[in-house]
């Protein structure tokens, strides 16, 4: 099986370097027309220049591909609208959106300014929502769309000094959990990536010897698959150093404690309540949690 993107139009945000650049180059190599979006700012979000995006476009064109650059900020409503309109004017459709743009402003929570929390959440969460919102009606009308959001192990599991980043990165998982349901009837699939890669954003967090092992090119195959026609929906794929895994939010079987439980009952039974075993389940939508609780009650009443 070959994943072919001939005739497909792909937008990649934050594609002037690192992971986004690798994604853009690979989509183009597989035949896609690519919109290379990058504000061109520093890691903390300051500044801006279209030079980085223009260079990636030149790389794609030199290799025989087709691409255009866009310098809009993913947090700016007018800029996002411009990016989508530029894409439609040039190519007439949008098949894939890869939300990759990001910033870091790391500090322990005690030392973090609220402005730094606001800014990072704005870029990662609202900067994912706004491009997705802009392409959604186009994909609905087409009856086809593939969207990737970029999460992180910092959001899934935590990382010291990244409460702002972690909150946003788990936020995008909550975002796709609803859109996977709303997009089903229109063949819009949406998934999340939790990457491990040496990039400009992570170079200060990793020892230098990890640069070669964690090349961003080794993450891109996960994105290419999860944006393909064969892609699942509502999944989290983890990728780095040539290794791939799926992450899930699971719920334990739990325990029914009767009609008038006390806090002490919960405390005394916490080990059983929180026990991860073969009855733990990854749920597809919120209503399934209610269903499982009523199953517990029914089972207890039948004993």
Protein backbone atom coordinates (compact mmCIF):
# COMPACT_ATOMS: atom_id res chain seq x y z
CA UNK A 1 0.00 0.00 0.00
CA UNK A 2 1.32 3.42 -0.99
CA UNK A 3 -0.15 6.54 0.59
CA UNK A 4 -0.66 8.86 -2.34
CA UNK A 5 -1.41 12.58 -2.00
CA UNK A 6 -1.68 13.43 -5.68
CA UNK A 7 -4.44 16.01 -6.13
CA UNK A 8 -4.64 16.70 -2.40
CA UNK A 9 -4.12 20.16 -0.87
CA UNK A 10 -2.39 20.30 2.50
CA UNK A 11 -1.93 23.22 4.90
CA UNK A 12 0.84 22.84 7.49
CA UNK A 13 1.08 25.55 10.16
CA UNK A 14 4.42 26.37 11.75
CA UNK A 15 6.12 24.73 8.77
CA UNK A 16 9.16 26.98 8.49
CA UNK A 17 11.36 24.55 10.43
CA UNK A 18 11.49 21.46 12.60
CA UNK A 19 8.54 19.08 12.49
CA UNK A 20 6.37 21.30 10.30
CA UNK A 21 9.04 21.60 7.63
CA UNK A 22 9.49 17.81 7.54
CA UNK A 23 5.73 17.30 7.27
CA UNK A 24 5.45 19.82 4.42
CA UNK A 25 8.35 18.31 2.47
CA UNK A 26 7.00 14.77 2.77
CA UNK A 27 3.45 15.68 1.76
CA UNK A 28 4.88 17.47 -1.28
CA UNK A 29 7.09 14.51 -2.13
CA UNK A 30 3.95 12.36 -2.18
CA UNK A 31 2.25 14.67 -4.66
CA UNK A 32 0.34 17.14 -2.47
CA UNK A 33 0.06 20.85 -3.14
CA UNK A 34 1.31 22.35 0.12
CA UNK A 35 0.63 25.64 1.87
CA UNK A 36 3.63 26.36 4.10
CA UNK A 37 2.45 28.58 6.92
CA UNK A 38 4.91 30.12 9.36
CA UNK A 39 4.88 33.40 11.26
CA UNK A 40 8.65 33.17 11.51
CA UNK A 41 8.85 34.25 15.15
CA UNK A 42 11.22 33.20 17.91
CA UNK A 43 10.54 30.16 20.10
CA UNK A 44 8.78 32.40 22.65
CA UNK A 45 6.53 33.81 19.92
CA UNK A 46 8.24 37.18 19.55
CA UNK A 47 9.05 38.70 16.17
CA UNK A 48 8.04 37.44 12.76
CA UNK A 49 9.29 36.97 9.20
CA UNK A 50 8.13 35.09 6.10
CA UNK A 51 11.70 34.05 5.29
CA UNK A 52 11.45 30.59 6.91
CA UNK A 53 8.26 29.66 5.05
CA UNK A 54 9.66 30.97 1.76
CA UNK A 55 12.76 28.77 2.13
CA UNK A 56 10.66 25.63 2.60
CA UNK A 57 8.59 26.52 -0.45
CA UNK A 58 11.81 26.84 -2.44
CA UNK A 59 12.94 23.42 -1.18
CA UNK A 60 9.67 21.90 -2.35
CA UNK A 61 9.82 23.59 -5.74
CA UNK A 62 13.45 22.62 -6.26
CA UNK A 63 12.43 19.00 -5.67
CA UNK A 64 9.71 19.32 -8.31
CA UNK A 65 6.78 19.90 -5.98
CA UNK A 66 4.15 22.62 -5.74
CA UNK A 67 3.79 24.95 -2.76
CA UNK A 68 3.00 28.47 -1.65
CA UNK A 69 3.97 30.29 1.56
CA UNK A 70 1.82 32.11 4.08
CA UNK A 71 3.02 34.21 7.00
CA UNK A 72 -0.18 34.52 9.03
CA UNK A 73 -0.33 34.01 12.78
CA UNK A 74 -2.61 31.11 13.71
CA UNK A 75 -4.02 33.20 16.56
CA UNK A 76 -5.10 36.08 14.33
CA UNK A 77 -8.63 35.77 12.95
CA UNK A 78 -7.94 37.88 9.87
CA UNK A 79 -4.64 36.11 9.26
CA UNK A 80 -6.23 32.67 9.42
CA UNK A 81 -9.00 33.79 7.09
CA UNK A 82 -6.34 35.08 4.71
CA UNK A 83 -4.46 31.77 4.81
CA UNK A 84 -7.57 29.78 3.96
CA UNK A 85 -8.65 32.22 1.25
CA UNK A 86 -5.15 32.18 -0.27
CA UNK A 87 -5.30 28.38 -0.36
CA UNK A 88 -8.74 28.30 -1.97
CA UNK A 89 -7.74 30.96 -4.53
CA UNK A 90 -4.64 28.98 -5.48
CA UNK A 91 -5.94 25.40 -5.34
CA UNK A 92 -9.73 25.42 -4.94
CA UNK A 93 -9.94 22.92 -2.08
CA UNK A 94 -8.40 21.92 1.27
CA UNK A 95 -8.00 18.23 2.04
CA UNK A 96 -5.62 18.23 5.00
CA UNK A 97 -4.83 20.64 7.83
CA UNK A 98 -1.84 19.92 10.06
CA UNK A 99 -1.92 22.14 13.15
CA UNK A 100 1.75 22.26 14.10
CA UNK A 101 2.55 25.86 15.07
CA UNK A 102 3.74 26.33 18.63
CA UNK A 103 5.71 28.32 21.18
CA UNK A 104 7.26 27.74 24.59
CA UNK A 105 7.45 29.95 27.66
CA UNK A 106 8.59 27.51 30.33
CA UNK A 107 8.68 28.36 34.04
CA UNK A 108 7.54 26.66 37.22
CA UNK A 109 3.93 27.49 37.98
CA UNK A 110 4.94 29.52 41.05
CA UNK A 111 7.11 31.80 38.90
CA UNK A 112 4.97 31.90 35.74
CA UNK A 113 3.24 35.12 34.80
CA UNK A 114 -0.40 34.82 33.81
CA UNK A 115 0.47 36.54 30.53
CA UNK A 116 2.80 33.65 29.68
CA UNK A 117 0.02 31.16 30.44
CA UNK A 118 -2.43 33.12 28.29
CA UNK A 119 -0.03 33.39 25.37
CA UNK A 120 0.95 29.72 25.21
CA UNK A 121 -2.65 28.53 25.52
CA UNK A 122 -3.65 31.06 22.86
CA UNK A 123 -1.09 29.75 20.36
CA UNK A 124 -1.52 26.04 20.99
CA UNK A 125 -5.24 25.74 21.74
CA UNK A 126 -6.85 28.71 19.99
CA UNK A 127 -4.17 28.53 17.29
CA UNK A 128 -5.40 25.00 16.61
CA UNK A 129 -9.10 25.82 16.91
CA UNK A 130 -9.07 28.86 14.59
CA UNK A 131 -7.54 27.20 11.48
CA UNK A 132 -9.71 24.12 12.12
CA UNK A 133 -12.82 26.30 12.35
CA UNK A 134 -11.85 28.05 9.10
CA UNK A 135 -11.41 24.83 7.08
CA UNK A 136 -14.31 22.92 8.65
CA UNK A 137 -17.11 24.22 6.38
CA UNK A 138 -14.93 23.63 3.31
CA UNK A 139 -14.28 20.03 4.34
CA UNK A 140 -17.97 19.50 5.14
CA UNK A 141 -18.98 20.71 1.70
CA UNK A 142 -16.35 18.48 0.06
CA UNK A 143 -17.44 15.49 2.13
CA UNK A 144 -13.78 14.90 2.96
CA UNK A 145 -11.16 16.21 5.34
CA UNK A 146 -8.25 15.14 7.46
CA UNK A 147 -7.05 17.23 10.41
CA UNK A 148 -4.06 16.71 12.69
CA UNK A 149 -3.54 18.48 15.99
CA UNK A 150 -0.24 18.42 17.84
CA UNK A 151 -0.40 17.31 21.46
CA UNK A 152 2.53 16.38 23.71
CA UNK A 153 3.59 14.04 26.47
CA UNK A 154 3.60 17.22 28.60
CA UNK A 155 -0.16 17.37 28.20
CA UNK A 156 -0.79 13.64 28.40
CA UNK A 157 1.47 12.97 31.39
CA UNK A 158 3.01 16.25 32.64
CA UNK A 159 6.40 17.92 32.55
CA UNK A 160 7.96 20.22 35.13
CA UNK A 161 7.81 23.89 34.15
CA UNK A 162 5.18 23.42 31.43
CA UNK A 163 1.80 23.93 33.11
CA UNK A 164 0.79 26.37 30.35
CA UNK A 165 2.00 24.16 27.53
CA UNK A 166 0.61 20.98 29.12
CA UNK A 167 -2.83 22.52 29.67
CA UNK A 168 -3.02 23.55 26.02
CA UNK A 169 -1.68 20.23 24.72
CA UNK A 170 -4.27 18.20 26.61
CA UNK A 171 -6.84 20.79 25.57
CA UNK A 172 -6.40 19.88 21.91
CA UNK A 173 -7.14 16.25 22.80
CA UNK A 174 -10.43 17.31 24.34
CA UNK A 175 -11.04 19.33 21.19
CA UNK A 176 -10.65 16.34 18.85
CA UNK A 177 -12.73 14.12 21.12
CA UNK A 178 -15.81 16.13 20.14
CA UNK A 179 -14.85 16.85 16.53
CA UNK A 180 -14.31 13.15 15.82
CA UNK A 181 -18.04 12.74 16.53
CA UNK A 182 -19.21 15.82 14.65
CA UNK A 183 -17.07 15.08 11.61
CA UNK A 184 -18.10 11.45 11.09
CA UNK A 185 -21.05 12.07 8.78
CA UNK A 186 -18.94 14.27 6.48
CA UNK A 187 -15.90 11.96 6.33
CA UNK A 188 -13.77 14.37 8.35
CA UNK A 189 -11.23 12.51 10.46
CA UNK A 190 -9.23 14.27 13.18
CA UNK A 191 -6.32 12.87 15.17
CA UNK A 192 -3.58 14.00 17.55
CA UNK A 193 0.19 13.62 17.45
CA UNK A 194 2.39 13.42 20.55
CA UNK A 195 5.90 13.80 19.07
CA UNK A 196 9.37 13.30 20.51
CA UNK A 197 11.82 15.19 18.32
CA UNK A 198 14.89 17.41 18.41
CA UNK A 199 13.69 20.78 17.13
CA UNK A 200 14.32 24.43 17.84
CA UNK A 201 11.66 24.25 20.56
CA UNK A 202 13.10 21.21 22.32
CA UNK A 203 16.84 21.72 21.87
CA UNK A 204 17.17 23.30 25.34
CA UNK A 205 15.29 20.38 26.93
CA UNK A 206 17.40 17.52 25.51
CA UNK A 207 21.09 16.57 25.62
CA UNK A 208 22.99 17.30 22.38
CA UNK A 209 23.70 13.62 21.73
CA UNK A 210 19.96 13.05 21.21
CA UNK A 211 19.79 15.30 18.13
CA UNK A 212 20.54 12.58 15.59
CA UNK A 213 18.41 9.92 17.29
CA UNK A 214 15.40 12.23 17.53
CA UNK A 215 15.41 13.68 14.04
CA UNK A 216 12.00 15.23 13.22
CA UNK A 217 11.91 13.26 9.95
CA UNK A 218 11.19 10.16 12.04
CA UNK A 219 7.94 11.66 13.35
CA UNK A 220 6.50 12.63 9.96
CA UNK A 221 5.45 9.10 8.86
CA UNK A 222 2.90 9.12 11.68
CA UNK A 223 1.41 12.37 10.41
CA UNK A 224 1.30 11.23 6.78
CA UNK A 225 -0.61 8.10 7.77
CA UNK A 226 -2.99 9.85 10.17
CA UNK A 227 -3.90 12.37 7.45
CA UNK A 228 -4.43 9.75 4.73
CA UNK A 229 -7.68 8.39 3.32
CA UNK A 230 -7.09 5.24 5.42
CA UNK A 231 -6.69 7.17 8.68
CA UNK A 232 -8.68 6.34 11.82
CA UNK A 233 -10.31 9.16 13.75
CA UNK A 234 -10.08 10.40 17.31
CA UNK A 235 -6.76 8.68 17.98
CA UNK A 236 -3.51 9.84 19.61
CA UNK A 237 -0.34 8.63 17.94
CA UNK A 238 3.00 9.00 19.69
CA UNK A 239 6.13 9.10 17.53
CA UNK A 240 9.86 9.58 17.88
CA UNK A 241 13.21 8.03 16.99
CA UNK A 242 11.51 5.58 14.64
CA UNK A 243 9.21 4.25 17.37
CA UNK A 244 5.42 4.62 17.34
CA UNK A 245 2.71 4.02 19.94
CA UNK A 246 -0.91 4.93 20.58
CA UNK A 247 -2.02 6.72 23.74
CA UNK A 248 -5.51 6.39 25.18
CA UNK A 249 -7.54 7.81 28.01
CA UNK A 250 -9.01 4.78 29.71
CA UNK A 251 -11.56 4.33 32.47
CA UNK A 252 -11.30 1.54 35.02
CA UNK A 253 -14.20 -0.82 35.60
CA UNK A 254 -14.78 0.92 38.90
CA UNK A 255 -17.00 -0.13 41.78
CA UNK A 256 -20.59 0.48 42.87
CA UNK A 257 -20.71 1.67 46.50
CA UNK A 258 -24.46 1.75 47.04
CA UNK A 259 -27.12 4.46 47.14
CA UNK A 260 -25.63 6.47 50.04
CA UNK A 261 -21.84 6.22 49.77
CA UNK A 262 -19.56 8.22 52.05
CA UNK A 263 -16.12 9.70 51.47
CA UNK A 264 -14.82 6.97 53.77
CA UNK A 265 -16.30 4.33 51.46
CA UNK A 266 -14.40 5.85 48.56
CA UNK A 267 -11.19 5.97 50.60
CA UNK A 268 -11.49 2.37 51.76
CA UNK A 269 -12.15 1.10 48.22
CA UNK A 270 -9.78 3.37 46.30
CA UNK A 271 -7.48 0.51 45.31
CA UNK A 272 -10.35 -1.36 43.64
CA UNK A 273 -11.88 1.80 42.14
CA UNK A 274 -8.58 2.75 40.49
CA UNK A 275 -7.46 -0.74 39.52
CA UNK A 276 -6.30 -1.01 35.91
CA UNK A 277 -7.08 -4.47 34.57
CA UNK A 278 -8.57 -6.08 31.49
CA UNK A 279 -11.93 -4.46 32.27
CA UNK A 280 -10.52 -0.94 31.81
CA UNK A 281 -11.84 0.59 28.60
CA UNK A 282 -11.09 3.48 26.23
CA UNK A 283 -14.44 5.15 25.63
CA UNK A 284 -15.41 6.80 22.33
CA UNK A 285 -17.87 9.36 23.69
CA UNK A 286 -19.02 10.76 27.03
CA UNK A 287 -22.33 8.93 27.14
CA UNK A 288 -20.51 5.61 27.37
CA UNK A 289 -19.34 6.53 30.87
CA UNK A 290 -22.97 6.75 32.03
CA UNK A 291 -23.68 3.41 30.37
CA UNK A 292 -20.81 1.77 32.27
CA UNK A 293 -22.02 3.18 35.60
CA UNK A 294 -25.51 1.77 35.08
CA UNK A 295 -23.93 -1.58 34.19
CA UNK A 296 -22.12 -1.54 37.55
CA UNK A 297 -25.36 -0.79 39.37
CA UNK A 298 -27.25 -3.49 37.48
CA UNK A 299 -24.56 -6.06 38.19
CA UNK A 300 -24.61 -5.22 41.90
CA UNK A 301 -28.39 -5.48 42.06
CA UNK A 302 -28.31 -8.90 40.36
CA UNK A 303 -25.87 -10.37 42.87
